Amino acid sequence: MIVKESPLQGMRMGTAATIAIRELPGLHTIDLRVAPGTSTQAAVAEALGMDLPNKPGQTTESSLIEGSKCYTLCLAPDWWLIVGFDEAEHRLAPLQLKSEYHISAVNVSGQRTTIELEGPNAREVLAHLWEQDLREKNFPVASVSQGLMAKAPVIVWHIATSRYRVMVRSSFAVHLWKALTDAAEEWR
């Protein structure tokens, strides 16, 4: 097995008292495609032991047996990212072998780098680079959206109060890191 090296190598800056920015290396991520509202989606939910959010922009959080948490992000009506569930591929493999189920589950862990922003100024830092409205009423906790940030395609995920995750293609990670740390400069 080839282990992919992180482009940011675990970089971090700041403190959660104002703004902390850090890379979350090695998040296990599965790209899941399945037709919504079908018996296949029901079989996927049963195999995973969790429901899939049914509306783009929503996320769900599940607790795993080991005590860790995993998340499911709905990016389109038929497209989800499963984050932090190492066994997801193994649980979905039997469904992929059956001809009556039309499903795609691909490990994309090395495709994106995740940068987490935490602290009372996290939203303001993101607002410097993100055109979408991040106010709580329009982008509450458990929301996810896609777009461009500093000309890089990203997924922005509001994971908790004053905490956001930005998933960016690994080839854009260093560029986005520089843009985020530059935007955070006034709060350091």
N, C-alpha and C. Protein backbone atom coordinates (compact mmCIF):
# COMPACT_ATOMS: atom_id res chain seq x y z
N MET A 1 0.84 -1.18 0.00
CA MET A 1 0.00 0.00 0.00
C MET A 1 0.89 1.25 0.00
N ILE A 2 0.56 2.18 -0.85
CA ILE A 2 1.31 3.44 -0.94
C ILE A 2 0.65 4.45 -0.01
N VAL A 3 1.45 5.07 0.83
CA VAL A 3 0.94 6.11 1.73
C VAL A 3 1.24 7.46 1.09
N LYS A 4 0.18 8.24 0.86
CA LYS A 4 0.34 9.55 0.25
C LYS A 4 0.80 10.56 1.28
N GLU A 5 1.80 11.32 0.93
CA GLU A 5 2.30 12.35 1.82
C GLU A 5 1.45 13.61 1.66
N SER A 6 1.15 14.23 2.78
CA SER A 6 0.34 15.43 2.78
C SER A 6 1.12 16.60 2.20
N PRO A 7 0.49 17.43 1.36
CA PRO A 7 1.19 18.59 0.82
C PRO A 7 1.49 19.65 1.89
N LEU A 8 0.72 19.65 2.98
CA LEU A 8 0.94 20.64 4.03
C LEU A 8 1.70 20.07 5.22
N GLN A 9 1.90 18.78 5.24
CA GLN A 9 2.67 18.09 6.27
C GLN A 9 2.27 18.49 7.68
N GLY A 10 0.94 18.55 7.94
CA GLY A 10 0.44 18.83 9.28
C GLY A 10 0.62 20.26 9.76
N MET A 11 0.70 21.21 8.85
CA MET A 11 0.93 22.61 9.23
C MET A 11 -0.19 23.12 10.15
N ARG A 12 0.18 24.07 11.01
CA ARG A 12 -0.79 24.70 11.90
C ARG A 12 -0.29 26.08 12.28
N MET A 13 -1.22 26.96 12.63
CA MET A 13 -0.87 28.30 13.08
C MET A 13 -1.99 28.84 13.95
N GLY A 14 -1.65 29.76 14.83
CA GLY A 14 -2.64 30.44 15.65
C GLY A 14 -3.13 29.62 16.82
N THR A 15 -4.13 30.18 17.50
CA THR A 15 -4.74 29.53 18.65
C THR A 15 -6.25 29.68 18.57
N ALA A 16 -6.98 28.73 19.15
CA ALA A 16 -8.44 28.76 19.10
C ALA A 16 -9.02 29.95 19.85
N ALA A 17 -8.21 30.67 20.62
CA ALA A 17 -8.71 31.87 21.31
C ALA A 17 -9.06 32.97 20.32
N THR A 18 -8.39 33.00 19.18
CA THR A 18 -8.70 33.97 18.13
C THR A 18 -9.01 33.25 16.83
N ILE A 19 -7.98 32.63 16.24
CA ILE A 19 -8.17 31.82 15.03
C ILE A 19 -7.04 30.79 14.95
N ALA A 20 -7.41 29.55 14.90
CA ALA A 20 -6.44 28.47 14.70
C ALA A 20 -6.71 27.86 13.33
N ILE A 21 -5.67 27.68 12.57
CA ILE A 21 -5.79 27.05 11.26
C ILE A 21 -4.83 25.86 11.27
N ARG A 22 -5.35 24.70 10.90
CA ARG A 22 -4.49 23.52 10.89
C ARG A 22 -4.95 22.55 9.82
N GLU A 23 -4.00 21.78 9.35
CA GLU A 23 -4.34 20.73 8.42
C GLU A 23 -4.76 19.50 9.22
N LEU A 24 -5.75 18.80 8.73
CA LEU A 24 -6.16 17.52 9.30
C LEU A 24 -5.72 16.43 8.33
N PRO A 25 -4.50 15.92 8.49
CA PRO A 25 -3.98 14.97 7.51
C PRO A 25 -4.64 13.60 7.63
N GLY A 26 -4.73 12.94 6.50
CA GLY A 26 -5.14 11.55 6.47
C GLY A 26 -6.59 11.25 6.76
N LEU A 27 -7.51 12.16 6.52
CA LEU A 27 -8.93 11.85 6.74
C LEU A 27 -9.40 10.84 5.69
N HIS A 28 -9.89 9.72 6.16
CA HIS A 28 -10.38 8.68 5.25
C HIS A 28 -11.68 9.19 4.61
N THR A 29 -11.73 9.23 3.29
CA THR A 29 -12.88 9.80 2.58
C THR A 29 -13.31 8.89 1.45
N ILE A 30 -14.60 8.59 1.41
CA ILE A 30 -15.20 7.76 0.36
C ILE A 30 -16.16 8.63 -0.45
N ASP A 31 -16.01 8.58 -1.75
CA ASP A 31 -16.91 9.26 -2.69
C ASP A 31 -17.99 8.24 -3.03
N LEU A 32 -19.23 8.53 -2.65
CA LEU A 32 -20.34 7.59 -2.84
C LEU A 32 -21.34 8.17 -3.83
N ARG A 33 -21.66 7.40 -4.85
CA ARG A 33 -22.69 7.79 -5.83
C ARG A 33 -23.74 6.68 -5.85
N VAL A 34 -24.99 7.07 -5.65
CA VAL A 34 -26.11 6.13 -5.69
C VAL A 34 -27.39 6.93 -5.96
N ALA A 35 -28.31 6.35 -6.71
CA ALA A 35 -29.56 7.03 -7.02
C ALA A 35 -30.38 7.21 -5.74
N PRO A 36 -30.85 8.44 -5.49
CA PRO A 36 -31.60 8.69 -4.26
C PRO A 36 -32.99 8.06 -4.29
N GLY A 37 -33.47 7.69 -3.10
CA GLY A 37 -34.83 7.16 -2.97
C GLY A 37 -35.02 5.78 -3.57
N THR A 38 -33.96 5.05 -3.80
CA THR A 38 -34.05 3.72 -4.40
C THR A 38 -33.77 2.64 -3.35
N SER A 39 -34.04 1.41 -3.74
CA SER A 39 -33.71 0.29 -2.85
C SER A 39 -32.20 0.19 -2.66
N THR A 40 -31.43 0.66 -3.64
CA THR A 40 -29.98 0.65 -3.50
C THR A 40 -29.56 1.61 -2.39
N GLN A 41 -30.15 2.79 -2.33
CA GLN A 41 -29.81 3.73 -1.27
C GLN A 41 -30.18 3.14 0.09
N ALA A 42 -31.31 2.47 0.17
CA ALA A 42 -31.70 1.83 1.44
C ALA A 42 -30.70 0.74 1.82
N ALA A 43 -30.25 -0.03 0.84
CA ALA A 43 -29.26 -1.09 1.11
C ALA A 43 -27.93 -0.49 1.56
N VAL A 44 -27.53 0.64 0.97
CA VAL A 44 -26.30 1.33 1.36
C VAL A 44 -26.41 1.80 2.81
N ALA A 45 -27.52 2.44 3.15
CA ALA A 45 -27.72 2.93 4.51
C ALA A 45 -27.68 1.77 5.51
N GLU A 46 -28.29 0.67 5.15
CA GLU A 46 -28.27 -0.50 6.04
C GLU A 46 -26.86 -1.07 6.19
N ALA A 47 -26.13 -1.18 5.09
CA ALA A 47 -24.77 -1.71 5.14
C ALA A 47 -23.85 -0.82 5.98
N LEU A 48 -24.03 0.48 5.87
CA LEU A 48 -23.20 1.42 6.62
C LEU A 48 -23.66 1.57 8.07
N GLY A 49 -24.93 1.26 8.31
CA GLY A 49 -25.48 1.44 9.65
C GLY A 49 -25.78 2.89 9.98
N MET A 50 -26.06 3.68 8.93
CA MET A 50 -26.39 5.09 9.14
C MET A 50 -27.19 5.61 7.96
N ASP A 51 -27.99 6.64 8.22
CA ASP A 51 -28.77 7.25 7.16
C ASP A 51 -27.92 8.24 6.38
N LEU A 52 -28.26 8.40 5.11
CA LEU A 52 -27.60 9.41 4.27
C LEU A 52 -28.49 10.65 4.26
N PRO A 53 -27.91 11.84 4.44
CA PRO A 53 -28.74 13.04 4.34
C PRO A 53 -29.35 13.12 2.95
N ASN A 54 -30.62 13.55 2.87
CA ASN A 54 -31.29 13.50 1.58
C ASN A 54 -31.35 14.82 0.84
N LYS A 55 -30.71 15.85 1.35
CA LYS A 55 -30.76 17.14 0.67
C LYS A 55 -29.34 17.68 0.49
N PRO A 56 -28.98 18.10 -0.72
CA PRO A 56 -27.64 18.70 -0.90
C PRO A 56 -27.43 19.86 0.06
N GLY A 57 -26.24 19.90 0.64
CA GLY A 57 -25.92 20.94 1.60
C GLY A 57 -26.05 20.50 3.04
N GLN A 58 -26.60 19.29 3.26
CA GLN A 58 -26.77 18.77 4.61
C GLN A 58 -25.67 17.77 4.94
N THR A 59 -25.38 17.64 6.23
CA THR A 59 -24.45 16.63 6.70
C THR A 59 -25.08 15.88 7.86
N THR A 60 -24.59 14.68 8.11
CA THR A 60 -24.97 13.94 9.31
C THR A 60 -23.71 13.48 10.00
N GLU A 61 -23.84 13.28 11.30
CA GLU A 61 -22.74 12.80 12.12
C GLU A 61 -23.18 11.48 12.73
N SER A 62 -22.30 10.50 12.73
CA SER A 62 -22.60 9.20 13.32
C SER A 62 -21.46 8.79 14.23
N SER A 63 -21.80 8.10 15.31
CA SER A 63 -20.77 7.57 16.20
C SER A 63 -20.50 6.13 15.80
N LEU A 64 -19.22 5.80 15.73
CA LEU A 64 -18.82 4.46 15.37
C LEU A 64 -18.58 3.63 16.63
N ILE A 65 -18.49 2.34 16.45
CA ILE A 65 -18.29 1.43 17.58
C ILE A 65 -17.04 1.80 18.37
N GLU A 66 -15.98 2.19 17.67
CA GLU A 66 -14.71 2.50 18.32
C GLU A 66 -14.77 3.80 19.12
N GLY A 67 -15.90 4.49 19.11
CA GLY A 67 -16.02 5.75 19.82
C GLY A 67 -15.68 6.96 18.97
N SER A 68 -15.18 6.73 17.77
CA SER A 68 -14.88 7.85 16.89
C SER A 68 -16.13 8.24 16.12
N LYS A 69 -16.05 9.37 15.43
CA LYS A 69 -17.20 9.87 14.67
C LYS A 69 -16.90 9.85 13.19
N CYS A 70 -17.94 9.65 12.42
CA CYS A 70 -17.82 9.79 10.97
C CYS A 70 -18.93 10.72 10.51
N TYR A 71 -18.75 11.26 9.32
CA TYR A 71 -19.67 12.25 8.79
C TYR A 71 -20.05 11.88 7.37
N THR A 72 -21.27 12.22 7.00
CA THR A 72 -21.73 12.05 5.64
C THR A 72 -22.17 13.41 5.12
N LEU A 73 -21.56 13.85 4.03
CA LEU A 73 -21.84 15.14 3.44
C LEU A 73 -22.59 14.93 2.13
N CYS A 74 -23.76 15.53 1.98
CA CYS A 74 -24.52 15.43 0.74
C CYS A 74 -24.13 16.59 -0.17
N LEU A 75 -23.47 16.26 -1.29
CA LEU A 75 -23.00 17.28 -2.22
C LEU A 75 -23.92 17.49 -3.41
N ALA A 76 -24.74 16.50 -3.72
CA ALA A 76 -25.71 16.55 -4.82
C ALA A 76 -26.76 15.48 -4.51
N PRO A 77 -27.89 15.47 -5.22
CA PRO A 77 -28.92 14.48 -4.89
C PRO A 77 -28.42 13.04 -4.91
N ASP A 78 -27.41 12.76 -5.72
CA ASP A 78 -26.91 11.37 -5.82
C ASP A 78 -25.43 11.25 -5.44
N TRP A 79 -24.91 12.20 -4.65
CA TRP A 79 -23.48 12.23 -4.38
C TRP A 79 -23.22 12.60 -2.92
N TRP A 80 -22.48 11.72 -2.23
CA TRP A 80 -22.12 11.91 -0.84
C TRP A 80 -20.63 11.70 -0.65
N LEU A 81 -20.08 12.36 0.36
CA LEU A 81 -18.74 12.06 0.84
C LEU A 81 -18.90 11.49 2.23
N ILE A 82 -18.28 10.36 2.47
CA ILE A 82 -18.27 9.75 3.79
C ILE A 82 -16.88 9.99 4.36
N VAL A 83 -16.80 10.71 5.46
CA VAL A 83 -15.52 11.14 6.03
C VAL A 83 -15.31 10.48 7.39
N GLY A 84 -14.16 9.83 7.55
CA GLY A 84 -13.78 9.28 8.84
C GLY A 84 -14.30 7.89 9.14
N PHE A 85 -14.81 7.18 8.15
CA PHE A 85 -15.35 5.83 8.36
C PHE A 85 -14.46 4.85 7.60
N ASP A 86 -13.43 4.36 8.27
CA ASP A 86 -12.44 3.50 7.62
C ASP A 86 -13.02 2.22 7.04
N GLU A 87 -14.09 1.70 7.61
CA GLU A 87 -14.67 0.44 7.15
C GLU A 87 -15.73 0.61 6.06
N ALA A 88 -16.00 1.81 5.63
CA ALA A 88 -17.09 2.04 4.67
C ALA A 88 -16.90 1.22 3.39
N GLU A 89 -15.71 1.24 2.83
CA GLU A 89 -15.46 0.49 1.59
C GLU A 89 -15.73 -0.99 1.79
N HIS A 90 -15.24 -1.51 2.89
CA HIS A 90 -15.40 -2.94 3.20
C HIS A 90 -16.89 -3.30 3.33
N ARG A 91 -17.65 -2.44 3.99
CA ARG A 91 -19.08 -2.70 4.17
C ARG A 91 -19.87 -2.58 2.87
N LEU A 92 -19.40 -1.72 1.97
CA LEU A 92 -20.13 -1.52 0.71
C LEU A 92 -19.70 -2.49 -0.39
N ALA A 93 -18.57 -3.13 -0.24
CA ALA A 93 -18.04 -4.03 -1.28
C ALA A 93 -19.03 -5.10 -1.71
N PRO A 94 -19.72 -5.79 -0.79
CA PRO A 94 -20.68 -6.81 -1.24
C PRO A 94 -21.81 -6.26 -2.11
N LEU A 95 -22.23 -5.02 -1.85
CA LEU A 95 -23.29 -4.42 -2.67
C LEU A 95 -22.79 -4.13 -4.08
N GLN A 96 -21.53 -3.75 -4.21
CA GLN A 96 -20.98 -3.43 -5.52
C GLN A 96 -20.87 -4.67 -6.40
N LEU A 97 -20.85 -5.84 -5.80
CA LEU A 97 -20.74 -7.09 -6.56
C LEU A 97 -22.08 -7.59 -7.06
N LYS A 98 -23.17 -7.08 -6.51
CA LYS A 98 -24.51 -7.54 -6.90
C LYS A 98 -25.02 -6.71 -8.07
N SER A 99 -25.51 -7.39 -9.09
CA SER A 99 -25.95 -6.70 -10.32
C SER A 99 -27.20 -5.84 -10.11
N GLU A 100 -28.01 -6.14 -9.09
CA GLU A 100 -29.23 -5.35 -8.90
C GLU A 100 -28.96 -3.99 -8.24
N TYR A 101 -27.74 -3.80 -7.73
CA TYR A 101 -27.41 -2.52 -7.10
C TYR A 101 -26.46 -1.73 -7.99
N HIS A 102 -26.81 -0.49 -8.24
CA HIS A 102 -25.97 0.41 -9.03
C HIS A 102 -25.37 1.43 -8.06
N ILE A 103 -24.10 1.24 -7.77
CA ILE A 103 -23.44 2.03 -6.74
C ILE A 103 -21.98 2.25 -7.12
N SER A 104 -21.46 3.39 -6.75
CA SER A 104 -20.04 3.66 -6.90
C SER A 104 -19.53 4.15 -5.55
N ALA A 105 -18.55 3.46 -5.00
CA ALA A 105 -17.92 3.86 -3.74
C ALA A 105 -16.41 3.81 -3.97
N VAL A 106 -15.78 4.98 -3.99
CA VAL A 106 -14.36 5.08 -4.33
C VAL A 106 -13.61 5.79 -3.20
N ASN A 107 -12.51 5.22 -2.80
CA ASN A 107 -11.66 5.85 -1.79
C ASN A 107 -10.94 7.04 -2.44
N VAL A 108 -11.25 8.24 -1.97
CA VAL A 108 -10.65 9.47 -2.51
C VAL A 108 -9.85 10.20 -1.41
N SER A 109 -9.36 9.44 -0.45
CA SER A 109 -8.66 10.03 0.70
C SER A 109 -7.47 10.88 0.27
N GLY A 110 -6.75 10.46 -0.75
CA GLY A 110 -5.57 11.21 -1.18
C GLY A 110 -5.89 12.36 -2.12
N GLN A 111 -7.14 12.49 -2.52
CA GLN A 111 -7.52 13.50 -3.50
C GLN A 111 -7.58 14.91 -2.91
N ARG A 112 -8.03 15.01 -1.67
CA ARG A 112 -8.22 16.32 -1.06
C ARG A 112 -7.41 16.45 0.23
N THR A 113 -7.10 17.69 0.55
CA THR A 113 -6.48 18.04 1.82
C THR A 113 -7.53 18.80 2.61
N THR A 114 -7.61 18.55 3.91
CA THR A 114 -8.59 19.23 4.75
C THR A 114 -7.89 20.22 5.67
N ILE A 115 -8.37 21.46 5.62
CA ILE A 115 -7.86 22.53 6.48
C ILE A 115 -9.00 22.94 7.41
N GLU A 116 -8.72 22.94 8.70
CA GLU A 116 -9.73 23.31 9.68
C GLU A 116 -9.43 24.68 10.27
N LEU A 117 -10.46 25.51 10.35
CA LEU A 117 -10.38 26.82 10.98
C LEU A 117 -11.26 26.78 12.22
N GLU A 118 -10.70 27.22 13.35
CA GLU A 118 -11.46 27.20 14.59
C GLU A 118 -11.17 28.45 15.40
N GLY A 119 -12.21 28.98 16.01
CA GLY A 119 -12.08 30.15 16.86
C GLY A 119 -13.13 31.18 16.54
N PRO A 120 -13.26 32.20 17.39
CA PRO A 120 -14.31 33.19 17.20
C PRO A 120 -14.18 34.00 15.92
N ASN A 121 -13.02 33.98 15.27
CA ASN A 121 -12.84 34.74 14.04
C ASN A 121 -12.80 33.86 12.79
N ALA A 122 -13.11 32.60 12.93
CA ALA A 122 -13.04 31.67 11.80
C ALA A 122 -13.94 32.11 10.65
N ARG A 123 -15.17 32.49 10.96
CA ARG A 123 -16.10 32.90 9.91
C ARG A 123 -15.60 34.14 9.18
N GLU A 124 -15.03 35.10 9.92
CA GLU A 124 -14.53 36.32 9.29
C GLU A 124 -13.36 36.04 8.36
N VAL A 125 -12.49 35.12 8.77
CA VAL A 125 -11.36 34.75 7.91
C VAL A 125 -11.88 34.13 6.62
N LEU A 126 -12.82 33.21 6.74
CA LEU A 126 -13.38 32.58 5.53
C LEU A 126 -14.10 33.60 4.66
N ALA A 127 -14.78 34.55 5.28
CA ALA A 127 -15.53 35.56 4.52
C ALA A 127 -14.63 36.41 3.62
N HIS A 128 -13.35 36.52 3.96
CA HIS A 128 -12.41 37.24 3.10
C HIS A 128 -12.24 36.54 1.75
N LEU A 129 -12.45 35.23 1.73
CA LEU A 129 -12.14 34.45 0.53
C LEU A 129 -13.35 33.74 -0.08
N TRP A 130 -14.47 33.74 0.60
CA TRP A 130 -15.64 32.95 0.19
C TRP A 130 -16.80 33.88 -0.11
N GLU A 131 -17.40 33.74 -1.26
CA GLU A 131 -18.48 34.64 -1.66
C GLU A 131 -19.84 34.28 -1.08
N GLN A 132 -19.99 33.06 -0.61
CA GLN A 132 -21.28 32.65 -0.07
C GLN A 132 -21.48 33.20 1.34
N ASP A 133 -22.73 33.38 1.72
CA ASP A 133 -23.09 33.94 3.02
C ASP A 133 -22.86 32.89 4.12
N LEU A 134 -21.97 33.20 5.04
CA LEU A 134 -21.63 32.27 6.11
C LEU A 134 -22.36 32.56 7.42
N ARG A 135 -23.27 33.53 7.41
CA ARG A 135 -24.00 33.82 8.65
C ARG A 135 -24.80 32.59 9.06
N GLU A 136 -24.95 32.42 10.37
CA GLU A 136 -25.59 31.24 10.95
C GLU A 136 -26.96 30.93 10.34
N LYS A 137 -27.75 31.94 10.06
CA LYS A 137 -29.09 31.69 9.52
C LYS A 137 -29.05 31.10 8.10
N ASN A 138 -27.98 31.38 7.36
CA ASN A 138 -27.87 30.87 5.99
C ASN A 138 -26.93 29.68 5.85
N PHE A 139 -26.02 29.51 6.81
CA PHE A 139 -25.05 28.41 6.75
C PHE A 139 -24.83 27.88 8.17
N PRO A 140 -25.88 27.23 8.72
CA PRO A 140 -25.78 26.77 10.11
C PRO A 140 -24.82 25.57 10.26
N VAL A 141 -24.55 25.21 11.49
CA VAL A 141 -23.76 24.02 11.77
C VAL A 141 -24.41 22.83 11.06
N ALA A 142 -23.61 21.94 10.50
CA ALA A 142 -24.04 20.75 9.74
C ALA A 142 -24.40 21.11 8.29
N SER A 143 -23.91 22.26 7.81
CA SER A 143 -24.11 22.63 6.41
C SER A 143 -22.81 22.40 5.65
N VAL A 144 -22.96 22.18 4.34
CA VAL A 144 -21.81 22.01 3.46
C VAL A 144 -22.13 22.67 2.13
N SER A 145 -21.11 23.23 1.49
CA SER A 145 -21.30 23.88 0.20
C SER A 145 -20.03 23.76 -0.63
N GLN A 146 -20.19 23.85 -1.93
CA GLN A 146 -19.05 23.81 -2.84
C GLN A 146 -18.94 25.13 -3.57
N GLY A 147 -17.71 25.47 -3.96
CA GLY A 147 -17.49 26.69 -4.70
C GLY A 147 -16.01 26.94 -4.90
N LEU A 148 -15.68 28.20 -5.17
CA LEU A 148 -14.28 28.58 -5.35
C LEU A 148 -13.84 29.46 -4.19
N MET A 149 -12.63 29.21 -3.71
CA MET A 149 -12.03 30.02 -2.67
C MET A 149 -10.60 30.30 -3.13
N ALA A 150 -10.27 31.56 -3.32
CA ALA A 150 -8.95 31.94 -3.83
C ALA A 150 -8.68 31.20 -5.15
N LYS A 151 -9.71 31.09 -5.97
CA LYS A 151 -9.68 30.45 -7.29
C LYS A 151 -9.44 28.94 -7.24
N ALA A 152 -9.56 28.34 -6.06
CA ALA A 152 -9.40 26.89 -5.91
C ALA A 152 -10.76 26.27 -5.63
N PRO A 153 -11.10 25.15 -6.30
CA PRO A 153 -12.37 24.48 -6.00
C PRO A 153 -12.31 23.85 -4.62
N VAL A 154 -13.32 24.16 -3.79
CA VAL A 154 -13.33 23.69 -2.41
C VAL A 154 -14.72 23.20 -2.00
N ILE A 155 -14.71 22.46 -0.91
CA ILE A 155 -15.92 22.10 -0.18
C ILE A 155 -15.77 22.76 1.19
N VAL A 156 -16.72 23.59 1.59
CA VAL A 156 -16.69 24.24 2.90
C VAL A 156 -17.77 23.58 3.75
N TRP A 157 -17.37 23.19 4.95
CA TRP A 157 -18.23 22.41 5.82
C TRP A 157 -18.24 23.06 7.20
N HIS A 158 -19.41 23.45 7.67
CA HIS A 158 -19.57 24.06 8.99
C HIS A 158 -19.79 22.91 9.97
N ILE A 159 -18.71 22.48 10.60
CA ILE A 159 -18.76 21.25 11.41
C ILE A 159 -19.24 21.49 12.84
N ALA A 160 -18.97 22.66 13.41
CA ALA A 160 -19.39 22.99 14.78
C ALA A 160 -19.37 24.51 14.92
N THR A 161 -19.91 24.98 16.03
CA THR A 161 -19.89 26.42 16.28
C THR A 161 -18.45 26.92 16.25
N SER A 162 -18.21 27.95 15.48
CA SER A 162 -16.87 28.56 15.32
C SER A 162 -15.82 27.58 14.78
N ARG A 163 -16.27 26.58 14.04
CA ARG A 163 -15.31 25.63 13.45
C ARG A 163 -15.80 25.22 12.06
N TYR A 164 -14.89 25.37 11.10
CA TYR A 164 -15.17 25.05 9.70
C TYR A 164 -14.06 24.17 9.16
N ARG A 165 -14.40 23.34 8.20
CA ARG A 165 -13.40 22.57 7.47
C ARG A 165 -13.50 22.93 6.00
N VAL A 166 -12.34 23.09 5.38
CA VAL A 166 -12.26 23.40 3.95
C VAL A 166 -11.51 22.25 3.30
N MET A 167 -12.18 21.56 2.40
CA MET A 167 -11.57 20.45 1.68
C MET A 167 -11.19 20.95 0.29
N VAL A 168 -9.92 20.84 -0.03
CA VAL A 168 -9.40 21.38 -1.28
C VAL A 168 -8.58 20.29 -1.98
N ARG A 169 -8.58 20.32 -3.30
CA ARG A 169 -7.72 19.39 -4.04
C ARG A 169 -6.29 19.56 -3.56
N SER A 170 -5.61 18.46 -3.39
CA SER A 170 -4.25 18.50 -2.83
C SER A 170 -3.31 19.39 -3.62
N SER A 171 -3.51 19.47 -4.93
CA SER A 171 -2.63 20.31 -5.75
C SER A 171 -2.81 21.80 -5.46
N PHE A 172 -3.93 22.19 -4.84
CA PHE A 172 -4.18 23.59 -4.48
C PHE A 172 -3.94 23.87 -3.00
N ALA A 173 -3.54 22.87 -2.23
CA ALA A 173 -3.47 23.00 -0.77
C ALA A 173 -2.52 24.10 -0.31
N VAL A 174 -1.33 24.15 -0.85
CA VAL A 174 -0.36 25.16 -0.42
C VAL A 174 -0.86 26.56 -0.78
N HIS A 175 -1.41 26.71 -1.97
CA HIS A 175 -1.97 28.00 -2.40
C HIS A 175 -3.07 28.45 -1.45
N LEU A 176 -4.00 27.55 -1.12
CA LEU A 176 -5.10 27.92 -0.24
C LEU A 176 -4.60 28.20 1.18
N TRP A 177 -3.64 27.41 1.64
CA TRP A 177 -3.07 27.65 2.97
C TRP A 177 -2.53 29.09 3.07
N LYS A 178 -1.78 29.50 2.06
CA LYS A 178 -1.22 30.86 2.06
C LYS A 178 -2.33 31.91 2.06
N ALA A 179 -3.37 31.70 1.28
CA ALA A 179 -4.48 32.66 1.23
C ALA A 179 -5.20 32.74 2.58
N LEU A 180 -5.44 31.59 3.22
CA LEU A 180 -6.13 31.58 4.52
C LEU A 180 -5.28 32.23 5.61
N THR A 181 -4.00 31.90 5.66
CA THR A 181 -3.16 32.48 6.70
C THR A 181 -2.97 33.99 6.48
N ASP A 182 -2.96 34.42 5.23
CA ASP A 182 -2.89 35.85 4.94
C ASP A 182 -4.18 36.54 5.40
N ALA A 183 -5.34 35.91 5.15
CA ALA A 183 -6.62 36.48 5.58
C ALA A 183 -6.73 36.52 7.10
N ALA A 184 -6.04 35.63 7.80
CA ALA A 184 -6.11 35.56 9.27
C ALA A 184 -5.13 36.50 9.95
N GLU A 185 -4.27 37.14 9.19
CA GLU A 185 -3.18 37.94 9.76
C GLU A 185 -3.66 38.99 10.77
N GLU A 186 -4.79 39.66 10.52
CA GLU A 186 -5.21 40.72 11.43
C GLU A 186 -5.67 40.21 12.79
N TRP A 187 -5.93 38.90 12.93
CA TRP A 187 -6.36 38.34 14.22
C TRP A 187 -5.25 37.60 14.95
N ARG A 188 -4.05 37.61 14.40
CA ARG A 188 -2.94 36.89 15.05
C ARG A 188 -2.26 37.74 16.07
